[in-house]
Amino acid sequence: MHHFNWSGVIGALPTLWMGAIITLQITVLAIVVGIIWGTVLALFRLSGVKPLQWFASLYVTIFCSIPLVMVLLWFFLIVP
C-alpha cells in the first residue's frame, strides 16, 4: 500500500491558505454582485418603463436558455 508523503503539503500550507482566502473573497464578491444585479433586474421587470422591462425579460430569457457549461466555456475562452 502506498503512503502519502505529507512533507510537501506542510511546506505549501501558507500558499494553500492564501488560495483558500482568495477563493472565499471571490465567492463573497460574486454573491453580493449577484444579489445586487438580480435586484436591479427584478426592479426593471416591475417598473412601468417598457424598455427596462424588455431588457430584463430578454436578459433572463437568454441566460435561462443557455446551459451553464456553455457560459463557463465562453468565460474560460474569452477572459484571459
C-alpha atoms as a PDB file:
ATOM      1  CA  MET A   1       0.000   0.000   0.000  1.00  0.00           C
ATOM      2  CA  HIS A   2       1.257   3.473  -0.881  1.00  0.00           C
ATOM      3  CA  HIS A   3       1.666   6.029   1.886  1.00  0.00           C
ATOM      4  CA  PHE A   4       1.198   9.687   1.057  1.00  0.00           C
ATOM      5  CA  ASN A   5       4.167  11.969   1.743  1.00  0.00           C
ATOM      6  CA  TRP A   6       2.766  14.936   3.687  1.00  0.00           C
ATOM      7  CA  SER A   7       6.043  16.877   3.810  1.00  0.00           C
ATOM      8  CA  GLY A   8       5.264  18.694   0.552  1.00  0.00           C
ATOM      9  CA  VAL A   9       1.794  19.643   1.737  1.00  0.00           C
ATOM     10  CA  ILE A  10       3.041  21.055   5.018  1.00  0.00           C
ATOM     11  CA  GLY A  11       5.513  23.272   3.172  1.00  0.00           C
ATOM     12  CA  ALA A  12       2.742  24.514   0.862  1.00  0.00           C
ATOM     13  CA  LEU A  13       0.239  25.314   3.630  1.00  0.00           C
ATOM     14  CA  PRO A  14       0.814  29.099   3.521  1.00  0.00           C
ATOM     15  CA  THR A  15       0.152  29.118  -0.234  1.00  0.00           C
ATOM     16  CA  LEU A  16      -2.891  26.871   0.149  1.00  0.00           C
ATOM     17  CA  TRP A  17      -4.227  29.116   2.924  1.00  0.00           C
ATOM     18  CA  MET A  18      -3.860  32.232   0.736  1.00  0.00           C
ATOM     19  CA  GLY A  19      -5.614  30.394  -2.096  1.00  0.00           C
ATOM     20  CA  ALA A  20      -8.493  29.491   0.223  1.00  0.00           C
ATOM     21  CA  ILE A  21      -8.802  33.113   1.387  1.00  0.00           C
ATOM     22  CA  ILE A  22      -8.827  34.424  -2.191  1.00  0.00           C
ATOM     23  CA  THR A  23     -11.445  31.819  -3.133  1.00  0.00           C
ATOM     24  CA  LEU A  24     -13.674  32.918  -0.244  1.00  0.00           C
ATOM     25  CA  GLN A  25     -13.243  36.579  -1.210  1.00  0.00           C
ATOM     26  CA  ILE A  26     -14.227  35.849  -4.812  1.00  0.00           C
ATOM     27  CA  THR A  27     -17.217  33.821  -3.591  1.00  0.00           C
ATOM     28  CA  VAL A  28     -18.475  36.606  -1.316  1.00  0.00           C
ATOM     29  CA  LEU A  29     -17.984  39.192  -4.072  1.00  0.00           C
ATOM     30  CA  ALA A  30     -19.882  37.022  -6.576  1.00  0.00           C
ATOM     31  CA  ILE A  31     -22.757  36.555  -4.109  1.00  0.00           C
ATOM     32  CA  VAL A  32     -23.003  40.295  -3.416  1.00  0.00           C
ATOM     33  CA  VAL A  33     -22.822  41.247  -7.108  1.00  0.00           C
ATOM     34  CA  GLY A  34     -25.363  38.536  -7.980  1.00  0.00           C
ATOM     35  CA  ILE A  35     -27.832  39.743  -5.357  1.00  0.00           C
ATOM     36  CA  ILE A  36     -27.457  43.360  -6.469  1.00  0.00           C
ATOM     37  CA  TRP A  37     -27.783  42.502 -10.187  1.00  0.00           C
ATOM     38  CA  GLY A  38     -30.780  40.237  -9.516  1.00  0.00           C
ATOM     39  CA  THR A  39     -32.475  43.006  -7.533  1.00  0.00           C
ATOM     40  CA  VAL A  40     -31.833  45.511 -10.327  1.00  0.00           C
ATOM     41  CA  LEU A  41     -33.295  43.119 -12.898  1.00  0.00           C
ATOM     42  CA  ALA A  42     -36.335  42.486 -10.691  1.00  0.00           C
ATOM     43  CA  LEU A  43     -36.888  46.235 -10.325  1.00  0.00           C
ATOM     44  CA  PHE A  44     -36.573  46.632 -14.103  1.00  0.00           C
ATOM     45  CA  ARG A  45     -39.212  43.927 -14.609  1.00  0.00           C
ATOM     46  CA  LEU A  46     -41.567  45.600 -12.128  1.00  0.00           C
ATOM     47  CA  SER A  47     -41.027  49.119 -13.458  1.00  0.00           C
ATOM     48  CA  GLY A  48     -43.510  50.725 -15.793  1.00  0.00           C
ATOM     49  CA  VAL A  49     -40.792  51.614 -18.297  1.00  0.00           C
ATOM     50  CA  LYS A  50     -41.169  49.287 -21.292  1.00  0.00           C
ATOM     51  CA  PRO A  51     -37.513  49.319 -22.463  1.00  0.00           C
ATOM     52  CA  LEU A  52     -36.347  48.326 -18.958  1.00  0.00           C
ATOM     53  CA  GLN A  53     -38.963  45.567 -18.754  1.00  0.00           C
ATOM     54  CA  TRP A  54     -37.959  44.363 -22.211  1.00  0.00           C
ATOM     55  CA  PHE A  55     -34.229  44.363 -21.340  1.00  0.00           C
ATOM     56  CA  ALA A  56     -34.763  42.438 -18.096  1.00  0.00           C
ATOM     57  CA  SER A  57     -37.044  39.893 -19.762  1.00  0.00           C
ATOM     58  CA  LEU A  58     -34.606  39.385 -22.635  1.00  0.00           C
ATOM     59  CA  TYR A  59     -31.631  39.046 -20.282  1.00  0.00           C
ATOM     60  CA  VAL A  60     -33.361  36.453 -18.093  1.00  0.00           C
ATOM     61  CA  THR A  61     -34.685  34.537 -21.105  1.00  0.00           C
ATOM     62  CA  ILE A  62     -31.253  34.385 -22.748  1.00  0.00           C
ATOM     63  CA  PHE A  63     -29.409  33.268 -19.624  1.00  0.00           C
ATOM     64  CA  CYS A  64     -32.055  30.708 -18.729  1.00  0.00           C
ATOM     65  CA  SER A  65     -31.816  29.276 -22.252  1.00  0.00           C
ATOM     66  CA  ILE A  66     -28.028  28.872 -22.289  1.00  0.00           C
ATOM     67  CA  PRO A  67     -26.601  25.866 -20.409  1.00  0.00           C
ATOM     68  CA  LEU A  68     -24.231  26.739 -17.565  1.00  0.00           C
ATOM     69  CA  VAL A  69     -21.453  24.644 -19.086  1.00  0.00           C
ATOM     70  CA  MET A  70     -21.597  26.796 -22.228  1.00  0.00           C
ATOM     71  CA  VAL A  71     -21.336  30.011 -20.187  1.00  0.00           C
ATOM     72  CA  LEU A  72     -18.358  28.609 -18.282  1.00  0.00           C
ATOM     73  CA  LEU A  73     -16.692  27.604 -21.549  1.00  0.00           C
ATOM     74  CA  TRP A  74     -17.222  31.079 -23.016  1.00  0.00           C
ATOM     75  CA  PHE A  75     -15.856  32.656 -19.837  1.00  0.00           C
ATOM     76  CA  PHE A  76     -12.816  30.371 -19.938  1.00  0.00           C
ATOM     77  CA  LEU A  77     -12.085  31.118 -23.593  1.00  0.00           C
ATOM     78  CA  ILE A  78     -12.855  34.864 -23.609  1.00  0.00           C
ATOM     79  CA  VAL A  79     -11.377  36.033 -20.312  1.00  0.00           C
ATOM     80  CA  PRO A  80      -7.562  35.910 -20.491  1.00  0.00           C
END
